[in-house]
Amino acid sequence: MTIDQNVQREVIKDAVEKPSEEGNLVRDFSEEYALPLIDVTQSELKIISKETMKDLLDGKFKDWIQSYFYM
């Protein structure tokens, strides 16, 4: 294995591990989530706290969130 191959492997390894280490990146790893999230150990789903939901409904994030929907 050449030095270039080792470097390529490290770059790929770092790219794959980054999302699991950072935890706040959207699914395609292109940016962070707009709202603060809560860790849920039993699920891969990301959730917001009830306080964050209240702040969202009260318009606290209106400067950077133009629209939203909730389920």
PDB file of N, CA and C in Angstrom:
ATOM      1  N   MET A   1       0.849  -1.176   0.000  1.00  0.00           N
ATOM      2  CA  MET A   1       0.000   0.000   0.000  1.00  0.00           C
ATOM      3  C   MET A   1       0.894   1.239   0.000  1.00  0.00           C
ATOM      4  N   THR A   2       0.562   2.206  -0.836  1.00  0.00           N
ATOM      5  CA  THR A   2       1.372   3.414  -0.933  1.00  0.00           C
ATOM      6  C   THR A   2       0.921   4.445   0.100  1.00  0.00           C
ATOM      7  N   ILE A   3       1.743   5.470   0.257  1.00  0.00           N
ATOM      8  CA  ILE A   3       1.399   6.555   1.184  1.00  0.00           C
ATOM      9  C   ILE A   3       0.094   7.225   0.747  1.00  0.00           C
ATOM     10  N   ASP A   4      -0.093   7.450  -0.566  1.00  0.00           N
ATOM     11  CA  ASP A   4      -1.322   8.061  -1.066  1.00  0.00           C
ATOM     12  C   ASP A   4      -2.548   7.231  -0.714  1.00  0.00           C
ATOM     13  N   GLN A   5      -2.425   5.923  -0.804  1.00  0.00           N
ATOM     14  CA  GLN A   5      -3.548   5.048  -0.459  1.00  0.00           C
ATOM     15  C   GLN A   5      -3.860   5.139   1.035  1.00  0.00           C
ATOM     16  N   ASN A   6      -2.819   5.222   1.856  1.00  0.00           N
ATOM     17  CA  ASN A   6      -3.027   5.376   3.298  1.00  0.00           C
ATOM     18  C   ASN A   6      -3.727   6.687   3.607  1.00  0.00           C
ATOM     19  N   VAL A   7      -3.319   7.750   2.940  1.00  0.00           N
ATOM     20  CA  VAL A   7      -3.940   9.058   3.142  1.00  0.00           C
ATOM     21  C   VAL A   7      -5.405   9.003   2.705  1.00  0.00           C
ATOM     22  N   GLN A   8      -5.673   8.387   1.565  1.00  0.00           N
ATOM     23  CA  GLN A   8      -7.049   8.270   1.081  1.00  0.00           C
ATOM     24  C   GLN A   8      -7.905   7.485   2.068  1.00  0.00           C
ATOM     25  N   ARG A   9      -7.376   6.419   2.606  1.00  0.00           N
ATOM     26  CA  ARG A   9      -8.123   5.625   3.587  1.00  0.00           C
ATOM     27  C   ARG A   9      -8.437   6.449   4.837  1.00  0.00           C
ATOM     28  N   GLU A  10      -7.488   7.232   5.292  1.00  0.00           N
ATOM     29  CA  GLU A  10      -7.710   8.070   6.466  1.00  0.00           C
ATOM     30  C   GLU A  10      -8.772   9.147   6.199  1.00  0.00           C
ATOM     31  N   VAL A  11      -8.729   9.737   5.013  1.00  0.00           N
ATOM     32  CA  VAL A  11      -9.725  10.756   4.644  1.00  0.00           C
ATOM     33  C   VAL A  11     -11.114  10.139   4.622  1.00  0.00           C
ATOM     34  N   ILE A  12     -11.239   8.970   4.018  1.00  0.00           N
ATOM     35  CA  ILE A  12     -12.535   8.282   3.958  1.00  0.00           C
ATOM     36  C   ILE A  12     -12.999   7.896   5.358  1.00  0.00           C
ATOM     37  N   LYS A  13     -12.090   7.367   6.155  1.00  0.00           N
ATOM     38  CA  LYS A  13     -12.429   6.971   7.527  1.00  0.00           C
ATOM     39  C   LYS A  13     -12.914   8.182   8.321  1.00  0.00           C
ATOM     40  N   ASP A  14     -12.226   9.303   8.209  1.00  0.00           N
ATOM     41  CA  ASP A  14     -12.623  10.521   8.915  1.00  0.00           C
ATOM     42  C   ASP A  14     -13.997  11.005   8.462  1.00  0.00           C
ATOM     43  N   ALA A  15     -14.264  10.927   7.162  1.00  0.00           N
ATOM     44  CA  ALA A  15     -15.548  11.377   6.626  1.00  0.00           C
ATOM     45  C   ALA A  15     -16.698  10.521   7.131  1.00  0.00           C
ATOM     46  N   VAL A  16     -16.464   9.231   7.261  1.00  0.00           N
ATOM     47  CA  VAL A  16     -17.500   8.317   7.736  1.00  0.00           C
ATOM     48  C   VAL A  16     -17.717   8.468   9.244  1.00  0.00           C
ATOM     49  N   GLU A  17     -16.652   8.671   9.990  1.00  0.00           N
ATOM     50  CA  GLU A  17     -16.757   8.767  11.439  1.00  0.00           C
ATOM     51  C   GLU A  17     -17.238  10.133  11.902  1.00  0.00           C
ATOM     52  N   LYS A  18     -17.043  11.177  11.125  1.00  0.00           N
ATOM     53  CA  LYS A  18     -17.401  12.532  11.523  1.00  0.00           C
ATOM     54  C   LYS A  18     -18.866  12.658  11.944  1.00  0.00           C
ATOM     55  N   PRO A  19     -19.818  12.147  11.166  1.00  0.00           N
ATOM     56  CA  PRO A  19     -21.223  12.291  11.573  1.00  0.00           C
ATOM     57  C   PRO A  19     -21.521  11.650  12.914  1.00  0.00           C
ATOM     58  N   SER A  20     -20.939  10.498  13.201  1.00  0.00           N
ATOM     59  CA  SER A  20     -21.224   9.849  14.472  1.00  0.00           C
ATOM     60  C   SER A  20     -20.581  10.595  15.631  1.00  0.00           C
ATOM     61  N   GLU A  21     -19.463  11.260  15.392  1.00  0.00           N
ATOM     62  CA  GLU A  21     -18.811  12.027  16.444  1.00  0.00           C
ATOM     63  C   GLU A  21     -19.509  13.359  16.664  1.00  0.00           C
ATOM     64  N   GLU A  22     -19.907  14.020  15.595  1.00  0.00           N
ATOM     65  CA  GLU A  22     -20.505  15.341  15.693  1.00  0.00           C
ATOM     66  C   GLU A  22     -21.949  15.257  16.163  1.00  0.00           C
ATOM     67  N   GLY A  23     -22.724  14.349  15.586  1.00  0.00           N
ATOM     68  CA  GLY A  23     -24.077  14.121  16.045  1.00  0.00           C
ATOM     69  C   GLY A  23     -25.109  15.162  15.671  1.00  0.00           C
ATOM     70  N   ASN A  24     -24.717  16.345  15.256  1.00  0.00           N
ATOM     71  CA  ASN A  24     -25.674  17.408  14.949  1.00  0.00           C
ATOM     72  C   ASN A  24     -25.766  17.724  13.466  1.00  0.00           C
ATOM     73  N   LEU A  25     -25.309  16.812  12.626  1.00  0.00           N
ATOM     74  CA  LEU A  25     -25.356  17.055  11.193  1.00  0.00           C
ATOM     75  C   LEU A  25     -26.607  16.413  10.595  1.00  0.00           C
ATOM     76  N   VAL A  26     -27.194  17.093   9.595  1.00  0.00           N
ATOM     77  CA  VAL A  26     -28.335  16.521   8.890  1.00  0.00           C
ATOM     78  C   VAL A  26     -27.889  15.252   8.174  1.00  0.00           C
ATOM     79  N   ARG A  27     -28.830  14.483   7.691  1.00  0.00           N
ATOM     80  CA  ARG A  27     -28.560  13.147   7.157  1.00  0.00           C
ATOM     81  C   ARG A  27     -27.494  13.109   6.069  1.00  0.00           C
ATOM     82  N   ASP A  28     -27.415  14.132   5.207  1.00  0.00           N
ATOM     83  CA  ASP A  28     -26.398  14.119   4.145  1.00  0.00           C
ATOM     84  C   ASP A  28     -25.092  14.774   4.585  1.00  0.00           C
ATOM     85  N   PHE A  29     -24.985  15.118   5.862  1.00  0.00           N
ATOM     86  CA  PHE A  29     -23.779  15.674   6.483  1.00  0.00           C
ATOM     87  C   PHE A  29     -23.378  17.048   5.947  1.00  0.00           C
ATOM     88  N   SER A  30     -24.289  17.738   5.277  1.00  0.00           N
ATOM     89  CA  SER A  30     -23.936  18.999   4.633  1.00  0.00           C
ATOM     90  C   SER A  30     -24.021  20.202   5.567  1.00  0.00           C
ATOM     91  N   GLU A  31     -24.806  20.093   6.640  1.00  0.00           N
ATOM     92  CA  GLU A  31     -24.955  21.216   7.565  1.00  0.00           C
ATOM     93  C   GLU A  31     -25.502  20.717   8.895  1.00  0.00           C
ATOM     94  N   GLU A  32     -25.482  21.595   9.884  1.00  0.00           N
ATOM     95  CA  GLU A  32     -26.023  21.241  11.191  1.00  0.00           C
ATOM     96  C   GLU A  32     -27.525  21.491  11.224  1.00  0.00           C
ATOM     97  N   TYR A  33     -28.213  20.824  12.140  1.00  0.00           N
ATOM     98  CA  TYR A  33     -29.638  21.071  12.337  1.00  0.00           C
ATOM     99  C   TYR A  33     -29.855  22.505  12.791  1.00  0.00           C
ATOM    100  N   ALA A  34     -31.015  23.073  12.457  1.00  0.00           N
ATOM    101  CA  ALA A  34     -31.310  24.461  12.802  1.00  0.00           C
ATOM    102  C   ALA A  34     -31.680  24.624  14.271  1.00  0.00           C
ATOM    103  N   LEU A  35     -32.281  23.611  14.862  1.00  0.00           N
ATOM    104  CA  LEU A  35     -32.737  23.688  16.251  1.00  0.00           C
ATOM    105  C   LEU A  35     -31.909  22.763  17.137  1.00  0.00           C
ATOM    106  N   PRO A  36     -31.823  23.086  18.428  1.00  0.00           N
ATOM    107  CA  PRO A  36     -31.118  22.188  19.352  1.00  0.00           C
ATOM    108  C   PRO A  36     -31.871  20.857  19.481  1.00  0.00           C
ATOM    109  N   LEU A  37     -31.135  19.768  19.591  1.00  0.00           N
ATOM    110  CA  LEU A  37     -31.727  18.432  19.634  1.00  0.00           C
ATOM    111  C   LEU A  37     -31.462  17.742  20.954  1.00  0.00           C
ATOM    112  N   ILE A  38     -32.293  16.747  21.233  1.00  0.00           N
ATOM    113  CA  ILE A  38     -32.135  15.895  22.414  1.00  0.00           C
ATOM    114  C   ILE A  38     -31.684  14.530  21.937  1.00  0.00           C
ATOM    115  N   ASP A  39     -30.734  13.926  22.640  1.00  0.00           N
ATOM    116  CA  ASP A  39     -30.311  12.565  22.318  1.00  0.00           C
ATOM    117  C   ASP A  39     -31.336  11.574  22.848  1.00  0.00           C
ATOM    118  N   VAL A  40     -31.765  10.660  21.987  1.00  0.00           N
ATOM    119  CA  VAL A  40     -32.675   9.590  22.374  1.00  0.00           C
ATOM    120  C   VAL A  40     -31.928   8.287  22.148  1.00  0.00           C
ATOM    121  N   THR A  41     -31.587   7.601  23.215  1.00  0.00           N
ATOM    122  CA  THR A  41     -30.719   6.441  23.098  1.00  0.00           C
ATOM    123  C   THR A  41     -31.379   5.251  22.411  1.00  0.00           C
ATOM    124  N   GLN A  42     -32.693   5.121  22.492  1.00  0.00           N
ATOM    125  CA  GLN A  42     -33.351   3.969  21.898  1.00  0.00           C
ATOM    126  C   GLN A  42     -33.664   4.153  20.418  1.00  0.00           C
ATOM    127  N   SER A  43     -33.385   5.312  19.861  1.00  0.00           N
ATOM    128  CA  SER A  43     -33.807   5.589  18.499  1.00  0.00           C
ATOM    129  C   SER A  43     -32.751   6.405  17.759  1.00  0.00           C
ATOM    130  N   GLU A  44     -32.767   6.272  16.435  1.00  0.00           N
ATOM    131  CA  GLU A  44     -31.890   7.107  15.610  1.00  0.00           C
ATOM    132  C   GLU A  44     -32.564   8.423  15.258  1.00  0.00           C
ATOM    133  N   LEU A  45     -33.811   8.576  15.647  1.00  0.00           N
ATOM    134  CA  LEU A  45     -34.542   9.808  15.352  1.00  0.00           C
ATOM    135  C   LEU A  45     -34.004  10.955  16.181  1.00  0.00           C
ATOM    136  N   LYS A  46     -34.039  12.142  15.595  1.00  0.00           N
ATOM    137  CA  LYS A  46     -33.637  13.346  16.312  1.00  0.00           C
ATOM    138  C   LYS A  46     -34.905  14.061  16.765  1.00  0.00           C
ATOM    139  N   ILE A  47     -34.920  14.549  18.004  1.00  0.00           N
ATOM    140  CA  ILE A  47     -36.094  15.249  18.506  1.00  0.00           C
ATOM    141  C   ILE A  47     -35.676  16.562  19.156  1.00  0.00           C
ATOM    142  N   ILE A  48     -36.646  17.464  19.274  1.00  0.00           N
ATOM    143  CA  ILE A  48     -36.420  18.718  19.996  1.00  0.00           C
ATOM    144  C   ILE A  48     -37.145  18.624  21.330  1.00  0.00           C
ATOM    145  N   SER A  49     -36.741  19.441  22.274  1.00  0.00           N
ATOM    146  CA  SER A  49     -37.386  19.444  23.585  1.00  0.00           C
ATOM    147  C   SER A  49     -38.717  20.185  23.510  1.00  0.00           C
ATOM    148  N   LYS A  50     -39.546  20.005  24.528  1.00  0.00           N
ATOM    149  CA  LYS A  50     -40.821  20.727  24.563  1.00  0.00           C
ATOM    150  C   LYS A  50     -40.582  22.229  24.696  1.00  0.00           C
ATOM    151  N   GLU A  51     -39.488  22.623  25.339  1.00  0.00           N
ATOM    152  CA  GLU A  51     -39.157  24.041  25.453  1.00  0.00           C
ATOM    153  C   GLU A  51     -38.787  24.630  24.087  1.00  0.00           C
ATOM    154  N   THR A  52     -38.014  23.850  23.295  1.00  0.00           N
ATOM    155  CA  THR A  52     -37.664  24.305  21.949  1.00  0.00           C
ATOM    156  C   THR A  52     -38.910  24.411  21.082  1.00  0.00           C
ATOM    157  N   MET A  53     -39.847  23.461  21.219  1.00  0.00           N
ATOM    158  CA  MET A  53     -41.097  23.510  20.458  1.00  0.00           C
ATOM    159  C   MET A  53     -41.891  24.756  20.825  1.00  0.00           C
ATOM    160  N   LYS A  54     -41.958  25.071  22.092  1.00  0.00           N
ATOM    161  CA  LYS A  54     -42.660  26.280  22.536  1.00  0.00           C
ATOM    162  C   LYS A  54     -42.000  27.521  21.947  1.00  0.00           C
ATOM    163  N   ASP A  55     -40.666  27.567  22.008  1.00  0.00           N
ATOM    164  CA  ASP A  55     -39.940  28.708  21.441  1.00  0.00           C
ATOM    165  C   ASP A  55     -40.194  28.830  19.935  1.00  0.00           C
ATOM    166  N   LEU A  56     -40.254  27.697  19.241  1.00  0.00           N
ATOM    167  CA  LEU A  56     -40.540  27.707  17.808  1.00  0.00           C
ATOM    168  C   LEU A  56     -41.934  28.270  17.545  1.00  0.00           C
ATOM    169  N   LEU A  57     -42.923  27.798  18.273  1.00  0.00           N
ATOM    170  CA  LEU A  57     -44.296  28.274  18.102  1.00  0.00           C
ATOM    171  C   LEU A  57     -44.449  29.744  18.492  1.00  0.00           C
ATOM    172  N   ASP A  58     -43.652  30.182  19.457  1.00  0.00           N
ATOM    173  CA  ASP A  58     -43.691  31.587  19.896  1.00  0.00           C
ATOM    174  C   ASP A  58     -42.913  32.519  18.970  1.00  0.00           C
ATOM    175  N   GLY A  59     -42.229  31.961  17.962  1.00  0.00           N
ATOM    176  CA  GLY A  59     -41.516  32.786  16.989  1.00  0.00           C
ATOM    177  C   GLY A  59     -40.093  33.148  17.342  1.00  0.00           C
ATOM    178  N   LYS A  60     -39.531  32.481  18.347  1.00  0.00           N
ATOM    179  CA  LYS A  60     -38.163  32.808  18.769  1.00  0.00           C
ATOM    180  C   LYS A  60     -37.138  32.582  17.653  1.00  0.00           C
ATOM    181  N   PHE A  61     -37.400  31.643  16.757  1.00  0.00           N
ATOM    182  CA  PHE A  61     -36.447  31.291  15.700  1.00  0.00           C
ATOM    183  C   PHE A  61     -36.821  31.901  14.348  1.00  0.00           C
ATOM    184  N   LYS A  62     -37.746  32.836  14.325  1.00  0.00           N
ATOM    185  CA  LYS A  62     -38.268  33.358  13.053  1.00  0.00           C
ATOM    186  C   LYS A  62     -37.213  34.043  12.191  1.00  0.00           C
ATOM    187  N   ASP A  63     -36.116  34.486  12.780  1.00  0.00           N
ATOM    188  CA  ASP A  63     -35.069  35.142  12.001  1.00  0.00           C
ATOM    189  C   ASP A  63     -34.352  34.183  11.053  1.00  0.00           C
ATOM    190  N   TRP A  64     -34.314  32.888  11.379  1.00  0.00           N
ATOM    191  CA  TRP A  64     -33.632  31.959  10.492  1.00  0.00           C
ATOM    192  C   TRP A  64     -34.469  30.748  10.086  1.00  0.00           C
ATOM    193  N   ILE A  65     -35.681  30.606  10.603  1.00  0.00           N
ATOM    194  CA  ILE A  65     -36.563  29.529  10.170  1.00  0.00           C
ATOM    195  C   ILE A  65     -37.823  30.175   9.587  1.00  0.00           C
ATOM    196  N   GLN A  66     -37.963  30.064   8.269  1.00  0.00           N
ATOM    197  CA  GLN A  66     -39.079  30.721   7.589  1.00  0.00           C
ATOM    198  C   GLN A  66     -40.364  29.920   7.679  1.00  0.00           C
ATOM    199  N   SER A  67     -40.251  28.606   7.649  1.00  0.00           N
ATOM    200  CA  SER A  67     -41.442  27.756   7.749  1.00  0.00           C
ATOM    201  C   SER A  67     -41.054  26.432   8.385  1.00  0.00           C
ATOM    202  N   TYR A  68     -42.054  25.728   8.887  1.00  0.00           N
ATOM    203  CA  TYR A  68     -41.816  24.439   9.519  1.00  0.00           C
ATOM    204  C   TYR A  68     -43.109  23.649   9.541  1.00  0.00           C
ATOM    205  N   PHE A  69     -43.019  22.359   9.790  1.00  0.00           N
ATOM    206  CA  PHE A  69     -44.178  21.518  10.057  1.00  0.00           C
ATOM    207  C   PHE A  69     -43.783  20.546  11.152  1.00  0.00           C
ATOM    208  N   TYR A  70     -44.752  20.073  11.878  1.00  0.00           N
ATOM    209  CA  TYR A  70     -44.452  19.113  12.928  1.00  0.00           C
ATOM    210  C   TYR A  70     -45.363  17.900  12.787  1.00  0.00           C
ATOM    211  N   MET A  71     -44.890  16.792  13.314  1.00  0.00           N
ATOM    212  CA  MET A  71     -45.650  15.519  13.221  1.00  0.00           C
ATOM    213  C   MET A  71     -45.880  14.982  14.612  1.00  0.00           C
TER     214      MET A  71
END
